[in-house]
């Protein structure tokens, strides 16, 4: 797939998705599972948010998920059914200072998931659609999220070299006191992709060590 020099927007290009689905069907003959996992983030307050950053976040996080479902759902239906899993975020459930654009797109993924789930259910096409909402996970994107998070005793931000690492941050803001690992998210995705979740659709699986309860 062709790459843009400004940002990796392949997931926001319809031709790319058509090519991916065609390649998957050519190789495997069927398609049963889609995991929409592409994501980007821009830490900007609303006053400082640029249109370029806003559009970039929407393109990758929301338009990409839409195109994935648009082009994969028919193939999954024709293959006899399956599961679509959209990776949202804890930021799709709760607001977070400095992450307005990210929260907007991840909240959009959450409700978009529910709407498409109801469409598929009404069509009786055996396509389930759910979202996953990770909290603090040891991944590259959390390096940028952690910087500037309000973690001081008075809610003040500590940025750059003074920002806490994920272990320290987790001990302060996660009820269980520990960060999550990619394997924790993978296990949830595997459950939603499997027949064990055959009666689960239109819901969100929150994997956050209890952060969403605060």
Protein backbone atom coordinates (compact mmCIF):
# COMPACT_ATOMS: atom_id res chain seq x y z
CA UNK A 1 0.00 0.00 0.00
CA UNK A 2 1.25 3.46 -0.82
CA UNK A 3 2.48 5.63 2.03
CA UNK A 4 1.81 9.31 2.52
CA UNK A 5 4.74 11.56 3.31
CA UNK A 6 2.65 13.48 5.88
CA UNK A 7 1.35 10.56 7.96
CA UNK A 8 0.59 6.84 7.59
CA UNK A 9 -2.99 7.18 6.40
CA UNK A 10 -3.23 3.90 4.50
CA UNK A 11 -6.07 2.84 6.77
CA UNK A 12 -7.99 5.96 5.72
CA UNK A 13 -7.70 5.19 2.00
CA UNK A 14 -10.54 3.15 0.56
CA UNK A 15 -8.45 1.65 -2.24
CA UNK A 16 -6.06 0.22 0.34
CA UNK A 17 -8.86 -1.58 2.15
CA UNK A 18 -10.21 -3.02 -1.10
CA UNK A 19 -6.75 -4.38 -1.81
CA UNK A 20 -6.34 -5.86 1.67
CA UNK A 21 -9.68 -7.68 1.51
CA UNK A 22 -8.98 -8.98 -1.98
CA UNK A 23 -5.54 -10.23 -0.90
CA UNK A 24 -6.95 -11.96 2.19
CA UNK A 25 -9.66 -13.71 0.19
CA UNK A 26 -7.18 -14.74 -2.49
CA UNK A 27 -4.86 -16.25 0.10
CA UNK A 28 -7.29 -17.80 2.58
CA UNK A 29 -10.52 -18.12 0.62
CA UNK A 30 -12.59 -16.69 3.49
CA UNK A 31 -12.53 -13.86 6.00
CA UNK A 32 -13.92 -14.29 9.51
CA UNK A 33 -12.10 -11.78 11.72
CA UNK A 34 -11.22 -8.10 11.52
CA UNK A 35 -9.26 -6.28 14.23
CA UNK A 36 -9.18 -2.51 13.70
CA UNK A 37 -6.03 -1.65 15.66
CA UNK A 38 -4.49 1.36 13.89
CA UNK A 39 -4.20 4.42 16.09
CA UNK A 40 -2.48 7.76 16.50
CA UNK A 41 -2.49 10.49 19.14
CA UNK A 42 -1.79 14.21 19.37
CA UNK A 43 -1.37 15.74 22.83
CA UNK A 44 -2.86 19.19 22.35
CA UNK A 45 -5.25 21.27 24.40
CA UNK A 46 -8.33 22.41 22.54
CA UNK A 47 -7.04 25.96 22.08
CA UNK A 48 -3.76 24.67 20.63
CA UNK A 49 -5.29 21.93 18.50
CA UNK A 50 -4.39 22.36 14.84
CA UNK A 51 -6.73 21.36 12.05
CA UNK A 52 -3.95 19.19 10.62
CA UNK A 53 -3.58 17.24 13.87
CA UNK A 54 -7.35 16.95 14.27
CA UNK A 55 -7.85 15.65 10.73
CA UNK A 56 -4.94 13.25 11.10
CA UNK A 57 -6.41 11.78 14.29
CA UNK A 58 -9.84 11.38 12.73
CA UNK A 59 -8.40 9.84 9.56
CA UNK A 60 -6.41 7.15 11.32
CA UNK A 61 -8.57 6.41 14.37
CA UNK A 62 -12.09 6.80 13.03
CA UNK A 63 -12.16 6.81 9.23
CA UNK A 64 -9.80 3.83 9.19
CA UNK A 65 -12.14 1.86 11.44
CA UNK A 66 -15.14 2.81 9.30
CA UNK A 67 -13.48 1.68 6.08
CA UNK A 68 -12.31 -1.54 7.69
CA UNK A 69 -15.85 -2.42 8.71
CA UNK A 70 -17.35 -1.23 5.43
CA UNK A 71 -15.17 -3.50 3.32
CA UNK A 72 -14.62 -6.45 5.66
CA UNK A 73 -18.19 -6.92 6.91
CA UNK A 74 -19.52 -8.12 3.52
CA UNK A 75 -16.63 -10.58 3.15
CA UNK A 76 -17.18 -11.89 6.68
CA UNK A 77 -20.89 -12.24 5.98
CA UNK A 78 -20.25 -14.15 2.76
CA UNK A 79 -17.79 -16.39 4.60
CA UNK A 80 -20.51 -17.52 6.99
CA UNK A 81 -20.02 -15.00 9.78
CA UNK A 82 -17.39 -13.92 12.23
CA UNK A 83 -16.23 -11.12 14.46
CA UNK A 84 -15.15 -7.49 14.13
CA UNK A 85 -13.10 -6.09 17.02
CA UNK A 86 -12.45 -2.36 17.17
CA UNK A 87 -9.69 -1.18 19.48
CA UNK A 88 -10.94 1.92 21.25
CA UNK A 89 -9.48 3.13 24.55
CA UNK A 90 -10.22 4.10 28.11
CA UNK A 91 -10.24 7.56 26.49
CA UNK A 92 -13.35 6.44 24.62
CA UNK A 93 -15.16 6.13 27.95
CA UNK A 94 -13.75 9.06 29.95
CA UNK A 95 -12.45 12.51 29.09
CA UNK A 96 -8.79 13.34 29.56
CA UNK A 97 -7.17 16.79 29.64
CA UNK A 98 -5.01 17.47 26.61
CA UNK A 99 -6.43 14.54 24.63
CA UNK A 100 -9.64 16.04 23.25
CA UNK A 101 -9.08 14.85 19.70
CA UNK A 102 -8.05 11.37 20.80
CA UNK A 103 -11.06 11.09 23.14
CA UNK A 104 -13.38 12.28 20.37
CA UNK A 105 -12.23 9.61 17.96
CA UNK A 106 -12.09 6.78 20.49
CA UNK A 107 -15.53 7.71 21.80
CA UNK A 108 -16.67 7.71 18.19
CA UNK A 109 -15.26 4.20 17.72
CA UNK A 110 -17.25 3.03 20.76
CA UNK A 111 -20.64 4.25 19.51
CA UNK A 112 -19.89 3.45 15.87
CA UNK A 113 -19.21 -0.11 17.01
CA UNK A 114 -22.60 -0.34 18.66
CA UNK A 115 -24.40 1.07 15.61
CA UNK A 116 -22.75 -1.37 13.20
CA UNK A 117 -23.38 -4.23 15.63
CA UNK A 118 -27.10 -3.43 15.53
CA UNK A 119 -27.06 -3.26 11.73
CA UNK A 120 -25.44 -6.68 11.51
CA UNK A 121 -27.77 -8.12 14.12
CA UNK A 122 -30.81 -6.81 12.25
CA UNK A 123 -29.50 -8.39 9.05
CA UNK A 124 -29.05 -11.72 10.87
CA UNK A 125 -25.73 -12.05 9.08
CA UNK A 126 -23.79 -13.67 11.96
CA UNK A 127 -21.30 -10.80 12.14
CA UNK A 128 -20.58 -9.67 15.70
CA UNK A 129 -19.04 -6.24 16.40
CA UNK A 130 -17.45 -5.23 19.71
CA UNK A 131 -14.93 -2.73 21.02
CA UNK A 132 -11.95 -3.14 23.35
CA UNK A 133 -10.93 -0.36 25.74
CA UNK A 134 -7.37 -0.66 27.06
CA UNK A 135 -6.10 1.39 29.97
CA UNK A 136 -2.38 1.91 30.65
CA UNK A 137 -0.60 -0.71 28.55
CA UNK A 138 3.12 -1.07 27.94
CA UNK A 139 3.06 0.11 24.35
CA UNK A 140 4.80 2.87 22.42
CA UNK A 141 1.75 5.13 22.29
CA UNK A 142 1.69 5.35 26.08
CA UNK A 143 5.05 7.10 26.04
CA UNK A 144 3.39 10.15 24.51
CA UNK A 145 0.22 9.87 26.59
CA UNK A 146 2.14 9.68 29.88
CA UNK A 147 4.01 12.94 29.29
CA UNK A 148 2.05 15.74 30.88
CA UNK A 149 -0.55 13.57 32.59
CA UNK A 150 -1.78 15.24 35.79
CA UNK A 151 -0.31 12.90 38.40
CA UNK A 152 0.96 15.27 41.07
CA UNK A 153 -0.66 15.48 44.50
CA UNK A 154 -2.34 18.72 43.44
CA UNK A 155 -3.15 17.48 39.95
CA UNK A 156 -0.17 19.26 38.42
CA UNK A 157 1.51 17.89 35.31
CA UNK A 158 5.03 16.57 35.13
CA UNK A 159 6.39 16.61 31.61
CA UNK A 160 9.31 15.36 29.57
CA UNK A 161 12.22 14.04 31.62
CA UNK A 162 10.23 14.70 34.80
CA UNK A 163 7.28 12.58 33.69
CA UNK A 164 6.86 9.30 35.57
CA UNK A 165 7.57 6.02 33.81
CA UNK A 166 4.64 3.69 33.22
CA UNK A 167 5.29 1.67 36.37
CA UNK A 168 5.33 4.78 38.55
CA UNK A 169 2.33 6.25 36.76
CA UNK A 170 0.38 3.00 37.12
CA UNK A 171 1.11 2.81 40.82
CA UNK A 172 -0.48 6.24 41.21
CA UNK A 173 -3.54 6.09 38.94
CA UNK A 174 -4.44 2.42 38.37
CA UNK A 175 -6.52 0.85 41.17
CA UNK A 176 -4.58 -2.41 40.90
CA UNK A 177 -1.31 -0.45 40.95
CA UNK A 178 0.20 -2.08 37.88
CA UNK A 179 0.29 -1.44 34.14
CA UNK A 180 -1.18 -3.83 31.61
CA UNK A 181 0.77 -5.78 29.01
CA UNK A 182 0.02 -6.28 25.31
CA UNK A 183 -0.79 -9.90 26.10
CA UNK A 184 -3.67 -8.73 28.29
CA UNK A 185 -5.27 -7.00 25.33
CA UNK A 186 -4.48 -9.89 23.00
CA UNK A 187 -6.31 -12.28 25.33
CA UNK A 188 -9.41 -10.09 25.24
CA UNK A 189 -9.27 -9.80 21.46
CA UNK A 190 -8.86 -13.58 21.16
CA UNK A 191 -11.98 -14.08 23.28
CA UNK A 192 -14.03 -11.71 21.09
CA UNK A 193 -12.68 -13.34 17.94
CA UNK A 194 -13.53 -16.85 19.12
CA UNK A 195 -16.79 -18.78 19.28
CA UNK A 196 -16.61 -18.46 23.08
CA UNK A 197 -18.12 -14.99 22.60
CA UNK A 198 -20.77 -16.11 20.11
CA UNK A 199 -23.52 -14.31 22.09
CA UNK A 200 -21.57 -11.07 22.59
CA UNK A 201 -22.11 -8.13 20.26
CA UNK A 202 -22.43 -4.36 20.55
CA UNK A 203 -20.56 -4.20 23.81
CA UNK A 204 -17.24 -2.90 25.13
CA UNK A 205 -14.58 -5.00 26.81
CA UNK A 206 -12.70 -2.76 29.25
CA UNK A 207 -9.19 -3.92 30.14
CA UNK A 208 -7.82 -1.20 32.39
CA UNK A 209 -7.03 -2.46 35.89
CA UNK A 210 -10.14 -0.70 37.18
CA UNK A 211 -9.31 2.84 35.95
CA UNK A 212 -12.74 3.35 34.38
CA UNK A 213 -14.43 2.86 37.77
CA UNK A 214 -12.83 6.02 39.18
